[in-house]
C-alpha atoms as a PDB file:
ATOM      1  CA  MET A   1       0.000   0.000   0.000  1.00  0.00           C
ATOM      2  CA  ARG A   2       1.338   3.446  -0.988  1.00  0.00           C
ATOM      3  CA  THR A   3      -0.634   5.311   1.696  1.00  0.00           C
ATOM      4  CA  ALA A   4       2.302   6.047   4.014  1.00  0.00           C
ATOM      5  CA  ALA A   5       4.426   7.477   1.211  1.00  0.00           C
ATOM      6  CA  LEU A   6       1.484   9.510   0.003  1.00  0.00           C
ATOM      7  CA  ALA A   7       0.952  11.035   3.442  1.00  0.00           C
ATOM      8  CA  LEU A   8       4.615  11.995   3.773  1.00  0.00           C
ATOM      9  CA  SER A   9       5.016  13.476   0.308  1.00  0.00           C
ATOM     10  CA  LEU A  10       1.795  15.468   0.169  1.00  0.00           C
ATOM     11  CA  THR A  11       1.299  16.487   3.799  1.00  0.00           C
ATOM     12  CA  GLY A  12       4.766  18.054   3.885  1.00  0.00           C
ATOM     13  CA  ALA A  13       3.606  20.451   1.211  1.00  0.00           C
ATOM     14  CA  ALA A  14       0.387  21.208   3.049  1.00  0.00           C
ATOM     15  CA  VAL A  15       2.257  22.291   6.184  1.00  0.00           C
ATOM     16  CA  LEU A  16       3.853  25.117   4.251  1.00  0.00           C
ATOM     17  CA  THR A  17       0.444  26.531   3.352  1.00  0.00           C
ATOM     18  CA  ALA A  18      -0.980  26.409   6.859  1.00  0.00           C
ATOM     19  CA  SER A  19       0.220  29.923   7.668  1.00  0.00           C
ATOM     20  CA  ALA A  20      -1.409  31.445   4.593  1.00  0.00           C
ATOM     21  CA  GLY A  21      -2.629  34.983   5.131  1.00  0.00           C
ATOM     22  CA  HIS A  22      -5.060  37.112   3.163  1.00  0.00           C
ATOM     23  CA  ALA A  23      -4.186  39.625   0.514  1.00  0.00           C
ATOM     24  CA  HIS A  24      -6.777  42.260  -0.352  1.00  0.00           C
ATOM     25  CA  ALA A  25      -6.287  44.450  -3.401  1.00  0.00           C
ATOM     26  CA  ALA A  26      -7.788  45.119  -6.790  1.00  0.00           C
ATOM     27  CA  ALA A  27      -7.515  42.139  -9.145  1.00  0.00           C
ATOM     28  CA  ARG A  28      -6.202  42.576 -12.710  1.00  0.00           C
ATOM     29  CA  PRO A  29      -8.329  41.266 -15.603  1.00  0.00           C
ATOM     30  CA  ILE A  30      -7.116  38.409 -17.826  1.00  0.00           C
ATOM     31  CA  ASP A  31      -8.172  38.116 -21.475  1.00  0.00           C
ATOM     32  CA  GLN A  32      -5.995  36.159 -23.926  1.00  0.00           C
ATOM     33  CA  THR A  33      -6.568  33.736 -26.803  1.00  0.00           C
ATOM     34  CA  VAL A  34      -3.960  31.352 -28.250  1.00  0.00           C
ATOM     35  CA  ALA A  35      -4.224  29.041 -31.277  1.00  0.00           C
ATOM     36  CA  VAL A  36      -3.499  25.375 -30.447  1.00  0.00           C
ATOM     37  CA  ASP A  37      -3.925  21.930 -31.983  1.00  0.00           C
ATOM     38  CA  ALA A  38      -7.183  20.081 -31.345  1.00  0.00           C
ATOM     39  CA  ASP A  39      -5.319  17.535 -29.171  1.00  0.00           C
ATOM     40  CA  ALA A  40      -2.738  19.902 -27.659  1.00  0.00           C
ATOM     41  CA  ARG A  41      -1.224  19.432 -24.227  1.00  0.00           C
ATOM     42  CA  ILE A  42      -2.143  22.315 -21.937  1.00  0.00           C
ATOM     43  CA  ASP A  43      -0.291  22.855 -18.640  1.00  0.00           C
ATOM     44  CA  VAL A  44      -1.979  25.114 -16.078  1.00  0.00           C
ATOM     45  CA  SER A  45      -0.674  26.181 -12.669  1.00  0.00           C
ATOM     46  CA  ASN A  46      -2.232  28.445 -10.067  1.00  0.00           C
ATOM     47  CA  ILE A  47      -1.300  28.981  -6.435  1.00  0.00           C
ATOM     48  CA  LYS A  48      -4.385  30.483  -4.842  1.00  0.00           C
ATOM     49  CA  GLY A  49      -7.941  30.931  -6.096  1.00  0.00           C
ATOM     50  CA  SER A  50      -9.563  28.704  -8.725  1.00  0.00           C
ATOM     51  CA  VAL A  51      -9.105  27.017 -12.091  1.00  0.00           C
ATOM     52  CA  THR A  52     -12.169  26.331 -14.247  1.00  0.00           C
ATOM     53  CA  VAL A  53     -11.860  24.490 -17.560  1.00  0.00           C
ATOM     54  CA  VAL A  54     -14.670  24.101 -20.097  1.00  0.00           C
ATOM     55  CA  VAL A  55     -14.480  22.706 -23.623  1.00  0.00           C
ATOM     56  CA  TRP A  56     -15.476  23.878 -27.063  1.00  0.00           C
ATOM     57  CA  ASP A  57     -14.976  22.809 -30.667  1.00  0.00           C
ATOM     58  CA  ARG A  58     -12.373  25.428 -31.585  1.00  0.00           C
ATOM     59  CA  ALA A  59      -8.633  25.011 -32.154  1.00  0.00           C
ATOM     60  CA  GLU A  60      -7.743  27.678 -29.627  1.00  0.00           C
ATOM     61  CA  VAL A  61      -7.578  28.355 -25.902  1.00  0.00           C
ATOM     62  CA  ALA A  62      -9.339  31.373 -24.429  1.00  0.00           C
ATOM     63  CA  ILE A  63      -8.031  32.473 -21.032  1.00  0.00           C
ATOM     64  CA  SER A  64     -10.043  34.847 -18.860  1.00  0.00           C
ATOM     65  CA  GLY A  65     -10.447  35.728 -15.190  1.00  0.00           C
ATOM     66  CA  THR A  66      -8.664  37.976 -12.726  1.00  0.00           C
ATOM     67  CA  LEU A  67      -5.061  38.000 -11.508  1.00  0.00           C
ATOM     68  CA  GLY A  68      -4.706  38.292  -7.738  1.00  0.00           C
ATOM     69  CA  ASP A  69      -2.674  40.980  -6.018  1.00  0.00           C
ATOM     70  CA  GLY A  70       0.910  39.964  -5.245  1.00  0.00           C
ATOM     71  CA  SER A  71       1.412  37.831  -8.337  1.00  0.00           C
ATOM     72  CA  LYS A  72       4.265  38.786 -10.665  1.00  0.00           C
ATOM     73  CA  GLY A  73       1.929  38.142 -13.579  1.00  0.00           C
ATOM     74  CA  LEU A  74       0.497  35.476 -15.849  1.00  0.00           C
ATOM     75  CA  THR A  75       2.867  33.601 -18.142  1.00  0.00           C
ATOM     76  CA  VAL A  76       1.362  32.214 -21.352  1.00  0.00           C
ATOM     77  CA  GLU A  77       3.913  30.310 -23.432  1.00  0.00           C
ATOM     78  CA  GLY A  78       3.729  28.190 -26.550  1.00  0.00           C
ATOM     79  CA  GLY A  79       0.892  27.237 -28.824  1.00  0.00           C
ATOM     80  CA  GLY A  80       0.224  24.542 -31.378  1.00  0.00           C
ATOM     81  CA  SER A  81       0.882  21.187 -29.692  1.00  0.00           C
ATOM     82  CA  HIS A  82       1.839  22.549 -26.233  1.00  0.00           C
ATOM     83  CA  LEU A  83       0.634  25.540 -24.224  1.00  0.00           C
ATOM     84  CA  THR A  84       1.644  26.617 -20.702  1.00  0.00           C
ATOM     85  CA  VAL A  85      -0.487  28.934 -18.556  1.00  0.00           C
ATOM     86  CA  ARG A  86       1.193  29.784 -15.261  1.00  0.00           C
ATOM     87  CA  VAL A  87       0.438  32.239 -12.452  1.00  0.00           C
ATOM     88  CA  GLU A  88       3.796  33.600 -11.295  1.00  0.00           C
ATOM     89  CA  PRO A  89       4.386  33.887  -7.516  1.00  0.00           C
ATOM     90  CA  PRO A  90       5.883  37.038  -5.967  1.00  0.00           C
ATOM     91  CA  GLU A  91       9.145  35.118  -5.550  1.00  0.00           C
ATOM     92  CA  LYS A  92      10.278  31.530  -5.627  1.00  0.00           C
ATOM     93  CA  SER A  93       9.864  29.760  -2.284  1.00  0.00           C
ATOM     94  CA  GLY A  94      10.485  26.046  -2.623  1.00  0.00           C
ATOM     95  CA  TRP A  95       9.079  23.380  -4.885  1.00  0.00           C
ATOM     96  CA  PHE A  96       6.195  24.754  -6.978  1.00  0.00           C
ATOM     97  CA  SER A  97       6.306  27.972  -4.848  1.00  0.00           C
ATOM     98  CA  TRP A  98       4.488  26.440  -1.874  1.00  0.00           C
ATOM     99  CA  GLY A  99       4.095  29.098   0.793  1.00  0.00           C
ATOM    100  CA  ALA A 100       3.741  31.890  -1.799  1.00  0.00           C
ATOM    101  CA  ASP A 101      -0.048  31.939  -1.333  1.00  0.00           C
ATOM    102  CA  SER A 102       0.456  33.734   2.010  1.00  0.00           C
ATOM    103  CA  ARG A 103       1.575  36.786   0.016  1.00  0.00           C
ATOM    104  CA  MET A 104      -0.957  36.629  -2.804  1.00  0.00           C
ATOM    105  CA  GLY A 105      -4.575  37.423  -3.479  1.00  0.00           C
ATOM    106  CA  GLU A 106      -6.791  34.901  -5.237  1.00  0.00           C
ATOM    107  CA  THR A 107      -6.363  34.418  -8.983  1.00  0.00           C
ATOM    108  CA  THR A 108      -9.383  33.188 -10.927  1.00  0.00           C
ATOM    109  CA  LEU A 109      -8.532  31.349 -14.141  1.00  0.00           C
ATOM    110  CA  ARG A 110     -11.155  30.257 -16.660  1.00  0.00           C
ATOM    111  CA  LEU A 111     -10.007  28.393 -19.761  1.00  0.00           C
ATOM    112  CA  SER A 112     -11.990  27.304 -22.800  1.00  0.00           C
ATOM    113  CA  VAL A 113     -10.005  24.502 -24.461  1.00  0.00           C
ATOM    114  CA  PRO A 114     -10.455  22.056 -27.360  1.00  0.00           C
ATOM    115  CA  ARG A 115     -12.536  19.062 -26.304  1.00  0.00           C
ATOM    116  CA  ARG A 116      -9.708  16.576 -27.029  1.00  0.00           C
ATOM    117  CA  ALA A 117      -6.950  18.575 -25.324  1.00  0.00           C
ATOM    118  CA  GLU A 118      -4.677  16.853 -22.797  1.00  0.00           C
ATOM    119  CA  LEU A 119      -4.620  18.696 -19.449  1.00  0.00           C
ATOM    120  CA  GLU A 120      -2.025  18.900 -16.651  1.00  0.00           C
ATOM    121  CA  ILE A 121      -3.094  21.151 -13.759  1.00  0.00           C
ATOM    122  CA  GLU A 122      -1.132  22.018 -10.594  1.00  0.00           C
ATOM    123  CA  VAL A 123      -2.549  24.141  -7.765  1.00  0.00           C
ATOM    124  CA  VAL A 124      -1.861  24.764  -4.072  1.00  0.00           C
ATOM    125  CA  SER A 125      -4.898  26.258  -2.325  1.00  0.00           C
ATOM    126  CA  ALA A 126      -7.082  26.620  -5.405  1.00  0.00           C
ATOM    127  CA  SER A 127     -10.162  24.704  -6.455  1.00  0.00           C
ATOM    128  CA  VAL A 128     -10.215  22.922  -9.826  1.00  0.00           C
ATOM    129  CA  ASP A 129     -13.349  22.346 -11.928  1.00  0.00           C
ATOM    130  CA  VAL A 130     -13.046  20.556 -15.293  1.00  0.00           C
ATOM    131  CA  ASP A 131     -16.162  19.986 -17.400  1.00  0.00           C
ATOM    132  CA  GLY A 132     -16.588  18.066 -20.653  1.00  0.00           C
ATOM    133  CA  THR A 133     -13.000  17.156 -21.512  1.00  0.00           C
ATOM    134  CA  ALA A 134     -12.448  14.038 -23.625  1.00  0.00           C
ATOM    135  CA  GLY A 135      -8.692  14.144 -24.213  1.00  0.00           C
ATOM    136  CA  ARG A 136      -6.168  11.359 -23.835  1.00  0.00           C
ATOM    137  CA  ARG A 137      -5.176  12.365 -20.304  1.00  0.00           C
ATOM    138  CA  LEU A 138      -6.115  14.597 -17.383  1.00  0.00           C
ATOM    139  CA  GLY A 139      -3.725  15.130 -14.482  1.00  0.00           C
ATOM    140  CA  VAL A 140      -4.485  17.301 -11.442  1.00  0.00           C
ATOM    141  CA  GLU A 141      -2.287  17.821  -8.365  1.00  0.00           C
ATOM    142  CA  SER A 142      -3.544  19.918  -5.432  1.00  0.00           C
ATOM    143  CA  VAL A 143      -2.837  20.541  -1.764  1.00  0.00           C
ATOM    144  CA  SER A 144      -6.039  21.913  -0.254  1.00  0.00           C
ATOM    145  CA  GLY A 145      -8.394  22.778  -3.095  1.00  0.00           C
ATOM    146  CA  ALA A 146     -11.451  20.752  -4.056  1.00  0.00           C
ATOM    147  CA  LEU A 147     -11.264  18.873  -7.373  1.00  0.00           C
ATOM    148  CA  ARG A 148     -14.267  18.195  -9.625  1.00  0.00           C
ATOM    149  CA  LEU A 149     -14.146  16.381 -12.950  1.00  0.00           C
ATOM    150  CA  ALA A 150     -17.088  15.831 -15.290  1.00  0.00           C
ATOM    151  CA  GLY A 151     -16.191  14.391 -18.684  1.00  0.00           C
ATOM    152  CA  GLN A 152     -14.657  11.370 -20.411  1.00  0.00           C
ATOM    153  CA  PRO A 153     -10.856  11.709 -20.576  1.00  0.00           C
ATOM    154  CA  GLY A 154      -9.003   8.496 -21.350  1.00  0.00           C
ATOM    155  CA  GLU A 155      -6.662   8.464 -18.341  1.00  0.00           C
ATOM    156  CA  CYS A 156      -7.031  10.444 -15.100  1.00  0.00           C
ATOM    157  CA  ASP A 157      -4.424  10.981 -12.377  1.00  0.00           C
ATOM    158  CA  LEU A 158      -5.746  13.057  -9.470  1.00  0.00           C
ATOM    159  CA  SER A 159      -4.129  13.832  -6.113  1.00  0.00           C
ATOM    160  CA  SER A 160      -4.925  16.089  -3.160  1.00  0.00           C
ATOM    161  CA  VAL A 161      -3.958  16.391   0.480  1.00  0.00           C
ATOM    162  CA  SER A 162      -7.125  17.704   2.103  1.00  0.00           C
ATOM    163  CA  GLY A 163      -9.449  18.761  -0.699  1.00  0.00           C
ATOM    164  CA  ARG A 164     -12.383  16.557  -1.661  1.00  0.00           C
ATOM    165  CA  ILE A 165     -12.248  14.855  -5.065  1.00  0.00           C
ATOM    166  CA  GLU A 166     -15.366  14.304  -7.193  1.00  0.00           C
ATOM    167  CA  VAL A 167     -15.175  12.401 -10.477  1.00  0.00           C
ATOM    168  CA  GLY A 168     -18.028  12.039 -12.951  1.00  0.00           C
ATOM    169  CA  GLY A 169     -16.429  10.070 -15.756  1.00  0.00           C
ATOM    170  CA  CYS A 170     -13.096   8.600 -16.921  1.00  0.00           C
ATOM    171  CA  ARG A 171     -12.938   6.062 -19.757  1.00  0.00           C
ATOM    172  CA  ASP A 172      -9.942   3.780 -19.372  1.00  0.00           C
ATOM    173  CA  ARG A 173      -7.932   4.405 -16.197  1.00  0.00           C
ATOM    174  CA  LEU A 174      -8.481   6.413 -13.017  1.00  0.00           C
ATOM    175  CA  ASP A 175      -5.866   6.835 -10.260  1.00  0.00           C
ATOM    176  CA  VAL A 176      -6.835   8.921  -7.213  1.00  0.00           C
ATOM    177  CA  GLU A 177      -4.671   9.701  -4.170  1.00  0.00           C
ATOM    178  CA  SER A 178      -5.755  11.687  -1.106  1.00  0.00           C
ATOM    179  CA  VAL A 179      -4.678  12.074   2.502  1.00  0.00           C
ATOM    180  CA  SER A 180      -7.764  13.372   4.319  1.00  0.00           C
ATOM    181  CA  GLY A 181     -10.022  14.472   1.476  1.00  0.00           C
ATOM    182  CA  ASN A 182     -13.030  12.320   0.609  1.00  0.00           C
ATOM    183  CA  VAL A 183     -13.209  10.694  -2.832  1.00  0.00           C
ATOM    184  CA  ARG A 184     -16.506  10.313  -4.712  1.00  0.00           C
ATOM    185  CA  VAL A 185     -16.608   8.648  -8.126  1.00  0.00           C
ATOM    186  CA  ARG A 186     -19.498   8.135 -10.523  1.00  0.00           C
ATOM    187  CA  ASP A 187     -19.391   6.598 -13.998  1.00  0.00           C
ATOM    188  CA  ALA A 188     -15.728   5.645 -14.402  1.00  0.00           C
ATOM    189  CA  GLY A 189     -14.560   2.451 -16.053  1.00  0.00           C
ATOM    190  CA  GLY A 190     -11.558   0.359 -16.993  1.00  0.00           C
ATOM    191  CA  GLU A 191      -8.866   0.260 -14.302  1.00  0.00           C
ATOM    192  CA  LEU A 192      -9.595   2.079 -11.027  1.00  0.00           C
ATOM    193  CA  GLU A 193      -7.081   2.752  -8.233  1.00  0.00           C
ATOM    194  CA  PHE A 194      -7.644   4.657  -4.982  1.00  0.00           C
ATOM    195  CA  GLU A 195      -5.436   5.446  -1.974  1.00  0.00           C
ATOM    196  CA  THR A 196      -6.306   7.553   1.080  1.00  0.00           C
ATOM    197  CA  VAL A 197      -5.172   7.879   4.684  1.00  0.00           C
ATOM    198  CA  SER A 198      -8.367   9.032   6.410  1.00  0.00           C
ATOM    199  CA  GLY A 199     -10.500  10.080   3.460  1.00  0.00           C
ATOM    200  CA  ASP A 200     -13.576   8.045   2.525  1.00  0.00           C
ATOM    201  CA  ILE A 201     -13.779   6.344  -0.887  1.00  0.00           C
ATOM    202  CA  ASP A 202     -17.229   6.057  -2.481  1.00  0.00           C
ATOM    203  CA  VAL A 203     -17.433   4.540  -5.970  1.00  0.00           C
ATOM    204  CA  GLU A 204     -20.539   3.840  -8.053  1.00  0.00           C
ATOM    205  CA  THR A 205     -20.102   2.911 -11.688  1.00  0.00           C
ATOM    206  CA  THR A 206     -21.645   0.715 -14.339  1.00  0.00           C
ATOM    207  CA  ARG A 207     -18.767  -1.595 -15.262  1.00  0.00           C
ATOM    208  CA  TYR A 208     -15.062  -1.866 -14.469  1.00  0.00           C
ATOM    209  CA  ARG A 209     -12.203  -4.265 -15.240  1.00  0.00           C
ATOM    210  CA  LYS A 210      -9.829  -3.813 -12.308  1.00  0.00           C
ATOM    211  CA  LEU A 211     -10.073  -2.065  -8.962  1.00  0.00           C
ATOM    212  CA  SER A 212      -7.495  -1.473  -6.233  1.00  0.00           C
ATOM    213  CA  ALA A 213      -8.367   0.518  -3.102  1.00  0.00           C
ATOM    214  CA  GLY A 214      -6.500   1.132   0.143  1.00  0.00           C
ATOM    215  CA  THR A 215      -7.006   3.274   3.231  1.00  0.00           C
ATOM    216  CA  VAL A 216      -5.888   3.523   6.841  1.00  0.00           C
ATOM    217  CA  SER A 217      -9.043   4.774   8.573  1.00  0.00           C
ATOM    218  CA  GLY A 218     -11.403   5.911   5.817  1.00  0.00           C
ATOM    219  CA  THR A 219     -14.394   3.880   4.673  1.00  0.00           C
ATOM    220  CA  ILE A 220     -14.493   2.178   1.270  1.00  0.00           C
ATOM    221  CA  ALA A 221     -17.767   1.572  -0.591  1.00  0.00           C
ATOM    222  CA  ILE A 222     -17.766   0.027  -4.088  1.00  0.00           C
ATOM    223  CA  ARG A 223     -20.854  -0.452  -6.277  1.00  0.00           C
ATOM    224  CA  GLY A 224     -20.696  -1.569  -9.885  1.00  0.00           C
ATOM    225  CA  GLU A 225     -20.379  -4.553 -12.240  1.00  0.00           C
ATOM    226  CA  LEU A 226     -17.022  -6.322 -12.446  1.00  0.00           C
ATOM    227  CA  ASP A 227     -15.886  -7.769 -15.781  1.00  0.00           C
ATOM    228  CA  PRO A 228     -16.001 -11.605 -15.959  1.00  0.00           C
ATOM    229  CA  ASP A 229     -12.190 -11.780 -15.789  1.00  0.00           C
ATOM    230  CA  GLY A 230     -11.814  -8.731 -13.536  1.00  0.00           C
ATOM    231  CA  ARG A 231      -9.760  -8.247 -10.365  1.00  0.00           C
ATOM    232  CA  VAL A 232     -10.528  -6.438  -7.095  1.00  0.00           C
ATOM    233  CA  GLU A 233      -7.989  -5.840  -4.291  1.00  0.00           C
ATOM    234  CA  ILE A 234      -9.106  -3.852  -1.231  1.00  0.00           C
ATOM    235  CA  GLU A 235      -7.069  -3.215   1.947  1.00  0.00           C
ATOM    236  CA  SER A 236      -7.949  -1.245   5.090  1.00  0.00           C
ATOM    237  CA  MET A 237      -6.621  -0.911   8.610  1.00  0.00           C
ATOM    238  CA  SER A 238      -9.574   0.370  10.664  1.00  0.00           C
ATOM    239  CA  GLY A 239     -11.946   1.643   7.992  1.00  0.00           C
ATOM    240  CA  ASP A 240     -15.037  -0.352   7.042  1.00  0.00           C
ATOM    241  CA  VAL A 241     -15.328  -1.877   3.568  1.00  0.00           C
ATOM    242  CA  SER A 242     -18.520  -2.560   1.616  1.00  0.00           C
ATOM    243  CA  LEU A 243     -18.716  -4.199  -1.796  1.00  0.00           C
ATOM    244  CA  GLN A 244     -21.697  -5.042  -4.001  1.00  0.00           C
ATOM    245  CA  ILE A 245     -21.538  -8.096  -6.266  1.00  0.00           C
ATOM    246  CA  ALA A 246     -24.112  -8.864  -8.953  1.00  0.00           C
ATOM    247  CA  ALA A 247     -26.320 -11.853  -8.203  1.00  0.00           C
ATOM    248  CA  ASP A 248     -25.383 -13.500 -11.526  1.00  0.00           C
ATOM    249  CA  ALA A 249     -21.659 -12.793 -11.259  1.00  0.00           C
ATOM    250  CA  SER A 250     -18.979 -15.503 -11.403  1.00  0.00           C
ATOM    251  CA  VAL A 251     -16.409 -14.639  -8.746  1.00  0.00           C
ATOM    252  CA  ASP A 252     -13.753 -16.297  -6.581  1.00  0.00           C
ATOM    253  CA  LEU A 253     -14.137 -14.370  -3.316  1.00  0.00           C
ATOM    254  CA  HIS A 254     -11.709 -14.128  -0.391  1.00  0.00           C
ATOM    255  CA  ALA A 255     -12.178 -11.830   2.614  1.00  0.00           C
ATOM    256  CA  GLU A 256     -10.340 -11.759   5.925  1.00  0.00           C
ATOM    257  CA  THR A 257     -10.022  -9.535   8.986  1.00  0.00           C
ATOM    258  CA  PHE A 258      -8.025  -9.697  12.204  1.00  0.00           C
ATOM    259  CA  SER A 259     -10.555  -8.185  14.608  1.00  0.00           C
ATOM    260  CA  GLY A 260     -13.363  -6.793  12.445  1.00  0.00           C
ATOM    261  CA  ARG A 261     -16.642  -8.441  11.449  1.00  0.00           C
ATOM    262  CA  ILE A 262     -17.577  -9.974   8.100  1.00  0.00           C
ATOM    263  CA  ARG A 263     -21.136  -9.920   6.797  1.00  0.00           C
ATOM    264  CA  SER A 264     -21.766 -11.555   3.426  1.00  0.00           C
ATOM    265  CA  ASP A 265     -24.708 -12.581   1.256  1.00  0.00           C
ATOM    266  CA  PHE A 266     -22.414 -15.229  -0.247  1.00  0.00           C
ATOM    267  CA  GLY A 267     -20.705 -18.198   1.397  1.00  0.00           C
ATOM    268  CA  THR A 268     -20.068 -18.858   5.095  1.00  0.00           C
ATOM    269  CA  VAL A 269     -17.864 -16.799   7.374  1.00  0.00           C
ATOM    270  CA  ARG A 270     -15.360 -18.842   9.385  1.00  0.00           C
ATOM    271  CA  SER A 271     -13.904 -17.821  12.758  1.00  0.00           C
ATOM    272  CA  GLU A 272     -10.443 -18.924  13.805  1.00  0.00           C
ATOM    273  CA  ASP A 273     -10.384 -21.755  16.349  1.00  0.00           C
ATOM    274  CA  HIS A 274      -7.659 -20.114  18.405  1.00  0.00           C
ATOM    275  CA  GLY A 275      -7.356 -16.362  18.700  1.00  0.00           C
ATOM    276  CA  PRO A 276      -8.984 -13.578  16.720  1.00  0.00           C
ATOM    277  CA  GLY A 277      -9.627 -13.574  13.032  1.00  0.00           C
ATOM    278  CA  ARG A 278     -12.453 -14.240  10.564  1.00  0.00           C
ATOM    279  CA  SER A 279     -12.319 -15.220   6.927  1.00  0.00           C
ATOM    280  CA  LEU A 280     -14.515 -16.058   3.963  1.00  0.00           C
ATOM    281  CA  ASP A 281     -13.594 -18.143   0.926  1.00  0.00           C
ATOM    282  CA  THR A 282     -16.287 -18.967  -1.587  1.00  0.00           C
ATOM    283  CA  LYS A 283     -17.010 -19.368  -5.289  1.00  0.00           C
ATOM    284  CA  ILE A 284     -19.925 -17.390  -6.673  1.00  0.00           C
ATOM    285  CA  GLY A 285     -21.397 -18.898  -9.843  1.00  0.00           C
ATOM    286  CA  SER A 286     -18.675 -20.633 -11.836  1.00  0.00           C
ATOM    287  CA  GLY A 287     -15.901 -18.372 -10.537  1.00  0.00           C
ATOM    288  CA  GLY A 288     -13.438 -16.507 -12.719  1.00  0.00           C
ATOM    289  CA  ALA A 289     -13.224 -12.898 -11.561  1.00  0.00           C
ATOM    290  CA  ARG A 290     -11.153 -12.576  -8.378  1.00  0.00           C
ATOM    291  CA  VAL A 291     -12.034 -10.441  -5.363  1.00  0.00           C
ATOM    292  CA  ARG A 292      -9.797 -10.108  -2.297  1.00  0.00           C
ATOM    293  CA  ILE A 293     -10.600  -7.923   0.745  1.00  0.00           C
ATOM    294  CA  GLU A 294      -8.408  -7.583   3.849  1.00  0.00           C
ATOM    295  CA  THR A 295      -8.772  -5.415   6.949  1.00  0.00           C
ATOM    296  CA  PHE A 296      -7.221  -5.269  10.391  1.00  0.00           C
ATOM    297  CA  SER A 297     -10.079  -3.982  12.542  1.00  0.00           C
ATOM    298  CA  GLY A 298     -12.434  -2.615   9.911  1.00  0.00           C
ATOM    299  CA  GLY A 299     -15.687  -4.406   9.193  1.00  0.00           C
ATOM    300  CA  ILE A 300     -16.381  -6.043   5.810  1.00  0.00           C
ATOM    301  CA  GLY A 301     -19.811  -6.085   4.171  1.00  0.00           C
ATOM    302  CA  ILE A 302     -20.466  -7.994   0.924  1.00  0.00           C
ATOM    303  CA  THR A 303     -23.974  -7.707  -0.518  1.00  0.00           C
ATOM    304  CA  ARG A 304     -25.841  -9.123  -3.494  1.00  0.00           C
ATOM    305  CA  ARG A 305     -26.823  -6.489  -6.057  1.00  0.00           C
END
């Protein structure tokens, strides 16, 4: 499980933003348009405020909004296959200028981009809202801002320390990492991977091929149809886990816990003869797909859908 490394790498950045102050001054308007390819890569970075991305069927990027007081300006570089839009901090202060938001007002960025553009977004204490994108990839990295995605990009890599993450669509692969922010996913398919420390993971989707989820103390709830040859691996320390399995599914199911409880609509739960521990091993239908759930003290619930 990558949870411990995630907590160390992301929380260290969050500590630097904890002393953020408030800058109050007149914001400067932003209004630029740049020609790009229909499938261009667009890199966006903001430190404090918000980033909103909408799509259109034009081969150009329109950038609007307001630049917060304290920023050195907005850098717009490139065009064609690669465009960079970057809010410049008052001065460099560590990796990705963490800590600079204490000396800046909020910058509001709104971008209209080609529908098939590839997006890479980095923010510190800014919210991110992406609507309608259908490019090859979407990557978002944040410390404390909320993330919301609605669209059908091919691959999605999303990470946050304390901001909540909401996903409404991702075609082929979704990877979400969070420390304390809750994760809510609807309508994502293919390969799904989730890691949190204390954030809850709530997933409801139509069909998926592979799912991996891990947490220390957050809850995990998974609802959806697993492919006939699919794989599910779920691990938790103290958080409860719930999984729905279709009544007509063919699954080899294994679940075990050290001190938690197991409730299942399938098979028979076995208690260890000596010492703590409960486990469940059963074949649903003719078997094939593989599901494995392990917890230390968290409860496990497996229900028929």
